[in-house]
Amino acid sequence: MNDAIRLVLEGTNWKAGGRNVAFQACDDSSAKTGLWTKAICQANARAYAANPSVLGVIGTYNSGCAEAMIPILGKAPNGGLAMISPGNTLICLTQSSPSCGSGEPGSLYPQRRNYARVVPNDAYQGAGLASFAKQQGIETVFILYAAGDPTSLGQAKTFRGAAGKLGIGIQGFRSWNPKASSYTGLMRTVAEHSSDAVLLAGLTEENGARLIKDKVAVLGPNDGAIKLLAPDGFAQQSTIDLAGSASRGMFVSVPGLVPQDLTGPGKQLVSELKQEVSGPVELFAPYAGQAASVLLGAIGKSGERAGVIDAVRTTKVRNGITGSFDILSSGDPSIGPITISVAKSTFVPKRVVKPGQNLVKAARQG
């Protein structure tokens, strides 16, 4: 993702309009766990807000981190600090839902809306993944989500809402402990309910590889009688690298289009990335490039923080890296395709799903 941002900046000769710009890659994660922490996210946000040379933030990758940062950036000096994410999918960052807490999203914006994203939110993803499950003949699903992670719970609920609308039965709704050493007992519980599929709502980093291996050990291969589904937290090459052959045949969703399906500027960026990185181009990398392009355009229109926020939130992208779309008043993009891929040696695109608004609404209600 950082490589994609850098390539976009190189393509503009490190300028936004007539203004020279620079990019600093920062880390929200703990060196001990590899996971983002609220304390680090908030500390980073305070550092960004305090540095007058920072005119915008591209990020974050994880929605929970964005939830911690948005209010701090919104109160930054000189009108707040714009934030545009290539990877956040939590509904509550931009829209209300029964799963939202503390008056979100309004409570995240004590002064003004300073946030936007270039990927569809989880309501689209839940609706798309449920639609795909229905198309695959899946009639019953057991839902698992990572304990203590609001994003994981949110994704579990959006799938449940859409699945219910489509007549898919939910056989169970349980959390897993990311620190557990084994999930065979949990999978035996799943087996007792005779589900057609298991949904893992969470992140690979939340002990996902162990979870996948134990699913296969107890319930059989993912291309067998009991399928394995997961949203975008598992849609990365590390899932396959860590879970090995146990990952084969699992289906994952990703908001938007995968790198292989992009055309025009997106296809060109992916081609450039392939020359820069080893292994496959990660799914969110082009979206990081698109977020950078939106922010550069906004800085080109205004060199002031408040003006950059206004420009980001009224952006209209035509023939961009990820297609053509508008940033809506909510901060969401106006398009919501969902790509379903299957795990082989890499994730291979299988189908693009475009869920209807009624199903998206059902997903948002959870």
Protein backbone atom coordinates (compact mmCIF):
# COMPACT_ATOMS: atom_id res chain seq x y z
CA MET A 1 0.00 0.00 0.00
CA ASN A 2 2.86 2.38 0.79
CA ASP A 3 4.46 1.49 -2.54
CA ALA A 4 1.23 2.39 -4.33
CA ILE A 5 1.10 5.76 -2.57
CA ARG A 6 4.71 6.44 -3.48
CA LEU A 7 4.13 5.54 -7.15
CA VAL A 8 1.17 7.93 -7.33
CA LEU A 9 3.31 10.70 -5.83
CA GLU A 10 6.13 9.97 -8.27
CA GLY A 11 3.60 10.21 -11.08
CA THR A 12 2.82 13.80 -10.06
CA ASN A 13 6.51 14.64 -9.55
CA TRP A 14 5.74 14.99 -5.83
CA LYS A 15 3.46 17.95 -6.40
CA ALA A 16 -0.16 18.76 -5.68
CA GLY A 17 -1.07 21.58 -7.99
CA GLY A 18 1.96 23.82 -7.67
CA ARG A 19 2.74 22.74 -4.12
CA ASN A 20 5.61 20.40 -3.22
CA VAL A 21 4.43 17.45 -1.12
CA ALA A 22 6.04 14.62 0.84
CA PHE A 23 4.83 11.36 2.33
CA GLN A 24 5.71 9.78 5.67
CA ALA A 25 4.66 6.17 6.30
CA CYS A 26 3.70 5.63 9.95
CA ASP A 27 2.91 2.50 11.96
CA ASP A 28 -0.19 1.99 14.13
CA SER A 29 0.83 -1.46 15.32
CA SER A 30 2.47 -2.84 18.43
CA ALA A 31 5.91 -4.37 17.88
CA LYS A 32 4.94 -7.10 20.35
CA THR A 33 1.71 -8.27 18.71
CA GLY A 34 1.69 -6.84 15.19
CA LEU A 35 -1.81 -5.50 15.86
CA TRP A 36 -2.91 -1.87 16.01
CA THR A 37 -3.57 -0.46 19.45
CA LYS A 38 -5.85 2.38 20.48
CA ALA A 39 -3.04 4.09 22.39
CA ILE A 40 -0.68 4.10 19.38
CA CYS A 41 -3.44 5.26 17.02
CA GLN A 42 -4.35 8.15 19.31
CA ALA A 43 -0.71 9.11 19.84
CA ASN A 44 -0.14 9.14 16.08
CA ALA A 45 -3.26 11.25 15.55
CA ARG A 46 -2.07 13.81 18.10
CA ALA A 47 1.31 13.96 16.36
CA TYR A 48 -0.32 14.53 12.96
CA ALA A 49 -2.60 17.22 14.35
CA ALA A 50 0.28 19.05 16.03
CA ASN A 51 2.46 19.19 12.91
CA PRO A 52 1.30 22.14 10.76
CA SER A 53 2.98 20.70 7.64
CA VAL A 54 0.56 17.74 7.67
CA LEU A 55 -2.38 18.56 5.39
CA GLY A 56 -3.99 15.13 5.19
CA VAL A 57 -3.81 11.54 6.38
CA ILE A 58 -4.13 8.48 4.12
CA GLY A 59 -5.47 5.73 6.34
CA THR A 60 -6.03 3.92 8.39
CA TYR A 61 -6.04 0.28 7.35
CA ASN A 62 -8.02 -0.93 10.37
CA SER A 63 -11.41 0.59 11.15
CA GLY A 64 -10.96 0.48 14.92
CA CYS A 65 -7.84 2.60 14.59
CA ALA A 66 -9.72 5.12 12.46
CA GLU A 67 -12.45 5.24 15.12
CA ALA A 68 -9.79 6.28 17.64
CA MET A 69 -8.14 8.85 15.37
CA ILE A 70 -11.02 10.64 13.64
CA PRO A 71 -12.15 12.80 16.61
CA ILE A 72 -8.58 13.88 17.36
CA LEU A 73 -7.91 14.81 13.74
CA GLY A 74 -11.26 16.58 13.53
CA LYS A 75 -10.20 18.96 16.32
CA ALA A 76 -6.74 19.63 14.85
CA PRO A 77 -5.69 23.30 14.60
CA ASN A 78 -6.72 25.33 11.55
CA GLY A 79 -10.02 23.62 10.85
CA GLY A 80 -9.26 19.95 11.39
CA LEU A 81 -7.28 17.41 9.40
CA ALA A 82 -8.63 15.43 6.46
CA MET A 83 -8.44 11.65 6.61
CA ILE A 84 -9.16 9.38 3.65
CA SER A 85 -9.02 5.64 4.03
CA PRO A 86 -8.20 2.96 1.47
CA GLY A 87 -9.24 0.13 3.78
CA ASN A 88 -11.78 1.02 6.50
CA THR A 89 -15.09 -0.80 6.10
CA LEU A 90 -16.81 -0.28 9.49
CA ILE A 91 -20.27 1.15 8.82
CA CYS A 92 -20.32 3.28 11.97
CA LEU A 93 -17.53 5.56 10.75
CA THR A 94 -19.97 7.13 8.30
CA GLN A 95 -23.51 5.77 8.77
CA SER A 96 -25.75 4.77 11.65
CA SER A 97 -26.54 1.14 12.42
CA PRO A 98 -27.96 -0.75 15.42
CA SER A 99 -24.47 -2.14 15.97
CA CYS A 100 -22.97 1.34 16.43
CA GLY A 101 -22.16 2.57 19.91
CA SER A 102 -21.82 5.93 21.65
CA GLY A 103 -24.00 7.81 19.19
CA GLU A 104 -21.80 6.98 16.22
CA PRO A 105 -21.12 8.23 13.70
CA GLY A 106 -22.10 11.67 15.03
CA SER A 107 -20.00 11.32 18.17
CA LEU A 108 -16.86 10.89 16.06
CA TYR A 109 -17.25 14.38 14.64
CA PRO A 110 -17.36 16.92 17.48
CA GLN A 111 -16.82 19.80 15.04
CA ARG A 112 -17.20 18.71 11.41
CA ARG A 113 -16.96 15.68 9.17
CA ASN A 114 -13.31 15.32 8.22
CA TYR A 115 -13.33 11.71 7.01
CA ALA A 116 -13.93 9.89 3.73
CA ARG A 117 -13.08 6.51 2.23
CA VAL A 118 -12.68 5.04 -1.24
CA VAL A 119 -13.93 1.51 -0.41
CA PRO A 120 -17.53 0.39 0.18
CA ASN A 121 -18.50 -0.16 3.81
CA ASP A 122 -19.34 -3.46 5.47
CA ALA A 123 -23.03 -3.29 4.65
CA TYR A 124 -22.09 -3.79 1.01
CA GLN A 125 -19.61 -6.50 1.91
CA GLY A 126 -22.04 -8.40 4.13
CA ALA A 127 -24.70 -8.19 1.43
CA GLY A 128 -22.26 -9.27 -1.28
CA LEU A 129 -20.90 -12.23 0.67
CA ALA A 130 -24.41 -13.37 1.63
CA SER A 131 -25.52 -13.10 -2.02
CA PHE A 132 -22.58 -15.24 -3.06
CA ALA A 133 -23.39 -17.82 -0.37
CA LYS A 134 -26.96 -18.02 -1.68
CA GLN A 135 -25.67 -18.49 -5.23
CA GLN A 136 -23.47 -21.36 -4.00
CA GLY A 137 -26.49 -23.17 -2.60
CA ILE A 138 -25.55 -22.53 1.02
CA GLU A 139 -28.69 -22.72 3.17
CA THR A 140 -27.28 -22.54 6.72
CA VAL A 141 -24.24 -20.75 8.20
CA PHE A 142 -22.52 -20.74 11.59
CA ILE A 143 -21.04 -17.27 12.26
CA LEU A 144 -17.83 -16.79 14.24
CA TYR A 145 -16.24 -13.44 15.07
CA ALA A 146 -13.12 -12.28 16.92
CA ALA A 147 -13.85 -11.43 20.55
CA GLY A 148 -13.12 -7.85 21.58
CA ASP A 149 -12.95 -6.50 18.03
CA PRO A 150 -15.87 -4.21 17.13
CA THR A 151 -15.08 -4.43 13.42
CA SER A 152 -15.30 -8.22 13.49
CA LEU A 153 -18.60 -8.11 15.35
CA GLY A 154 -19.89 -5.53 12.89
CA GLN A 155 -19.00 -7.70 9.91
CA ALA A 156 -20.64 -10.70 11.54
CA LYS A 157 -23.83 -8.72 12.05
CA THR A 158 -23.95 -7.34 8.51
CA PHE A 159 -23.66 -10.83 7.07
CA ARG A 160 -26.37 -12.02 9.46
CA GLY A 161 -28.70 -9.22 8.39
CA ALA A 162 -28.26 -9.89 4.69
CA ALA A 163 -28.40 -13.66 5.12
CA GLY A 164 -31.70 -13.37 6.95
CA LYS A 165 -33.14 -11.29 4.13
CA LEU A 166 -32.12 -14.03 1.67
CA GLY A 167 -33.57 -16.85 3.77
CA ILE A 168 -30.22 -18.31 4.84
CA GLY A 169 -30.48 -19.85 8.30
CA ILE A 170 -28.02 -18.77 11.01
CA GLN A 171 -27.14 -21.86 13.06
CA GLY A 172 -24.95 -20.09 15.57
CA PHE A 173 -23.36 -16.74 16.43
CA ARG A 174 -20.25 -17.15 18.59
CA SER A 175 -16.95 -15.38 19.27
CA TRP A 176 -13.48 -16.87 19.21
CA ASN A 177 -10.66 -15.91 21.56
CA PRO A 178 -7.74 -14.65 19.42
CA LYS A 179 -5.32 -15.81 22.13
CA ALA A 180 -6.53 -19.41 22.26
CA SER A 181 -4.09 -22.19 21.43
CA SER A 182 -6.74 -24.43 19.85
CA TYR A 183 -10.20 -24.13 18.31
CA THR A 184 -11.04 -27.81 17.88
CA GLY A 185 -13.62 -27.60 20.68
CA LEU A 186 -15.25 -24.60 19.03
CA MET A 187 -15.33 -26.41 15.69
CA ARG A 188 -16.91 -29.47 17.32
CA THR A 189 -19.66 -27.14 18.54
CA VAL A 190 -20.10 -25.93 14.97
CA ALA A 191 -20.26 -29.55 13.79
CA GLU A 192 -23.17 -30.24 16.14
CA HIS A 193 -25.30 -27.71 14.23
CA SER A 194 -24.81 -29.29 10.78
CA SER A 195 -24.20 -26.00 8.96
CA ASP A 196 -23.40 -25.75 5.26
CA ALA A 197 -20.73 -23.11 5.90
CA VAL A 198 -18.73 -21.26 8.53
CA LEU A 199 -18.17 -17.50 8.40
CA LEU A 200 -15.01 -16.10 10.03
CA ALA A 201 -15.46 -12.39 10.72
CA GLY A 202 -12.13 -10.99 11.84
CA LEU A 203 -8.50 -10.61 10.86
CA THR A 204 -5.83 -13.08 9.88
CA GLU A 205 -3.74 -11.52 12.66
CA GLU A 206 -6.36 -12.59 15.22
CA ASN A 207 -5.05 -16.18 15.18
CA GLY A 208 -6.80 -16.76 11.88
CA ALA A 209 -4.38 -19.41 10.62
CA ARG A 210 -4.99 -21.62 13.68
CA LEU A 211 -8.72 -21.14 13.26
CA ILE A 212 -8.61 -22.20 9.59
CA LYS A 213 -6.44 -25.25 10.32
CA ASP A 214 -8.77 -26.41 13.09
CA LYS A 215 -11.82 -25.84 10.90
CA VAL A 216 -10.39 -28.17 8.28
CA ALA A 217 -9.22 -30.71 10.88
CA VAL A 218 -12.69 -31.01 12.42
CA LEU A 219 -15.10 -30.09 9.61
CA GLY A 220 -13.19 -31.14 6.52
CA PRO A 221 -11.69 -29.27 3.56
CA ASN A 222 -13.16 -25.96 2.49
CA ASP A 223 -14.12 -27.30 -0.93
CA GLY A 224 -16.00 -30.16 0.73
CA ALA A 225 -19.39 -30.32 2.42
CA ILE A 226 -18.81 -27.38 4.79
CA LYS A 227 -17.58 -24.21 3.09
CA LEU A 228 -15.49 -21.48 4.69
CA LEU A 229 -16.33 -17.81 4.13
CA ALA A 230 -14.57 -14.69 5.38
CA PRO A 231 -14.64 -10.93 4.76
CA ASP A 232 -11.65 -8.77 3.86
CA GLY A 233 -9.68 -9.24 7.09
CA PHE A 234 -8.63 -12.62 5.67
CA ALA A 235 -8.24 -11.44 2.08
CA GLN A 236 -4.47 -11.12 2.15
CA GLN A 237 -1.63 -13.36 1.04
CA SER A 238 -0.50 -13.90 4.63
CA THR A 239 -3.68 -15.93 5.22
CA ILE A 240 -2.52 -18.49 2.67
CA ASP A 241 1.11 -18.28 3.77
CA LEU A 242 0.26 -18.90 7.44
CA ALA A 243 -2.60 -21.40 7.08
CA GLY A 244 -0.96 -23.32 4.24
CA SER A 245 -2.99 -25.99 2.48
CA ALA A 246 -5.81 -25.63 5.02
CA SER A 247 -6.75 -22.31 3.41
CA ARG A 248 -7.34 -23.89 0.00
CA GLY A 249 -10.90 -23.47 -1.21
CA MET A 250 -11.96 -20.82 1.31
CA PHE A 251 -13.91 -17.88 -0.11
CA VAL A 252 -13.07 -14.31 0.88
CA SER A 253 -14.74 -11.05 0.01
CA VAL A 254 -13.09 -7.71 -0.57
CA PRO A 255 -14.82 -4.36 -0.99
CA GLY A 256 -14.38 -3.09 -4.52
CA LEU A 257 -12.47 -4.73 -7.35
CA VAL A 258 -9.36 -6.87 -7.02
CA PRO A 259 -6.15 -5.71 -8.76
CA GLN A 260 -6.60 -8.17 -11.65
CA ASP A 261 -9.97 -6.66 -12.59
CA LEU A 262 -8.94 -3.00 -12.70
CA THR A 263 -8.71 -1.20 -16.02
CA GLY A 264 -7.16 2.05 -17.25
CA PRO A 265 -5.10 3.86 -14.60
CA GLY A 266 -5.70 1.04 -12.13
CA LYS A 267 -4.28 -1.55 -14.47
CA GLN A 268 -1.27 0.67 -15.07
CA LEU A 269 -0.64 1.10 -11.33
CA VAL A 270 -0.89 -2.65 -10.75
CA SER A 271 1.61 -3.23 -13.56
CA GLU A 272 4.05 -0.79 -11.94
CA LEU A 273 3.55 -2.40 -8.53
CA LYS A 274 4.34 -5.85 -9.91
CA GLN A 275 7.75 -4.54 -10.92
CA GLU A 276 8.35 -3.16 -7.43
CA VAL A 277 7.19 -5.86 -5.02
CA SER A 278 7.77 -9.57 -4.58
CA GLY A 279 4.66 -11.73 -4.55
CA PRO A 280 1.13 -10.72 -5.56
CA VAL A 281 -0.18 -7.16 -5.40
CA GLU A 282 -2.23 -6.93 -2.22
CA LEU A 283 -5.94 -6.23 -2.62
CA PHE A 284 -5.99 -2.82 -0.95
CA ALA A 285 -2.86 -1.47 -2.65
CA PRO A 286 -4.69 0.16 -5.61
CA TYR A 287 -7.16 1.70 -3.14
CA ALA A 288 -4.24 3.23 -1.27
CA GLY A 289 -3.14 4.74 -4.58
CA GLN A 290 -6.67 6.03 -5.19
CA ALA A 291 -6.82 7.57 -1.71
CA ALA A 292 -3.49 9.29 -2.37
CA SER A 293 -4.80 10.63 -5.68
CA VAL A 294 -7.92 12.05 -4.01
CA LEU A 295 -5.85 13.72 -1.29
CA LEU A 296 -3.39 15.17 -3.80
CA GLY A 297 -6.27 16.65 -5.78
CA ALA A 298 -7.69 18.20 -2.62
CA ILE A 299 -4.34 19.69 -1.59
CA GLY A 300 -3.95 21.04 -5.10
CA LYS A 301 -7.22 22.95 -4.66
CA SER A 302 -6.40 24.26 -1.20
CA GLY A 303 -3.23 24.51 0.83
CA GLU A 304 -5.20 25.00 4.05
CA ARG A 305 -6.41 22.18 6.27
CA ALA A 306 -10.06 23.23 6.29
CA GLY A 307 -10.06 23.65 2.53
CA VAL A 308 -8.52 20.22 2.02
CA ILE A 309 -11.33 18.65 4.05
CA ASP A 310 -13.94 20.41 1.90
CA ALA A 311 -12.21 19.33 -1.31
CA VAL A 312 -11.87 15.70 -0.24
CA ARG A 313 -15.51 15.44 0.76
CA THR A 314 -16.78 16.86 -2.54
CA THR A 315 -14.48 14.82 -4.78
CA LYS A 316 -15.77 13.40 -8.05
CA VAL A 317 -13.41 10.80 -9.53
CA ARG A 318 -13.64 10.06 -13.24
CA ASN A 319 -11.60 7.22 -14.75
CA GLY A 320 -9.58 6.93 -11.57
CA ILE A 321 -7.41 4.10 -10.34
CA THR A 322 -10.44 2.23 -8.96
CA GLY A 323 -13.00 3.54 -11.43
CA SER A 324 -15.43 6.46 -11.47
CA PHE A 325 -17.27 7.51 -8.31
CA ASP A 326 -18.30 10.45 -6.14
CA ILE A 327 -17.63 10.93 -2.43
CA LEU A 328 -21.11 11.11 -0.93
CA SER A 329 -22.09 13.40 1.94
CA SER A 330 -21.64 10.46 4.32
CA GLY A 331 -18.01 10.13 3.23
CA ASP A 332 -18.64 6.85 1.41
CA PRO A 333 -17.93 6.22 -2.30
CA SER A 334 -20.97 6.09 -4.56
CA ILE A 335 -20.18 2.60 -5.91
CA GLY A 336 -20.17 -0.68 -4.02
CA PRO A 337 -19.02 -3.75 -5.98
CA ILE A 338 -17.78 -6.68 -3.88
CA THR A 339 -15.30 -9.23 -5.24
CA ILE A 340 -15.33 -12.83 -4.04
CA SER A 341 -12.05 -14.73 -4.42
CA VAL A 342 -11.06 -18.32 -3.69
CA ALA A 343 -7.83 -19.38 -2.00
CA LYS A 344 -5.37 -21.40 -4.04
CA SER A 345 -1.65 -20.57 -4.02
CA THR A 346 -2.94 -16.98 -4.10
CA PHE A 347 -6.45 -15.56 -3.92
CA VAL A 348 -8.04 -15.95 -7.34
CA PRO A 349 -11.07 -13.79 -8.27
CA LYS A 350 -14.22 -15.84 -8.75
CA ARG A 351 -17.13 -13.39 -8.98
CA VAL A 352 -18.01 -9.71 -8.69
CA VAL A 353 -21.28 -9.14 -6.80
CA LYS A 354 -23.24 -5.89 -6.90
CA PRO A 355 -25.82 -6.14 -4.10
CA GLY A 356 -29.04 -4.18 -4.34
CA GLN A 357 -29.85 -1.36 -1.95
CA ASN A 358 -32.59 -3.32 -0.14
CA LEU A 359 -30.10 -6.07 0.71
CA VAL A 360 -27.48 -3.50 1.75
CA LYS A 361 -30.07 -1.91 4.04
CA ALA A 362 -30.86 -5.30 5.60
CA ALA A 363 -27.14 -5.87 6.16
CA ARG A 364 -26.76 -2.49 7.86
CA GLN A 365 -29.60 -3.36 10.24
CA GLY A 366 -27.75 -6.55 11.21
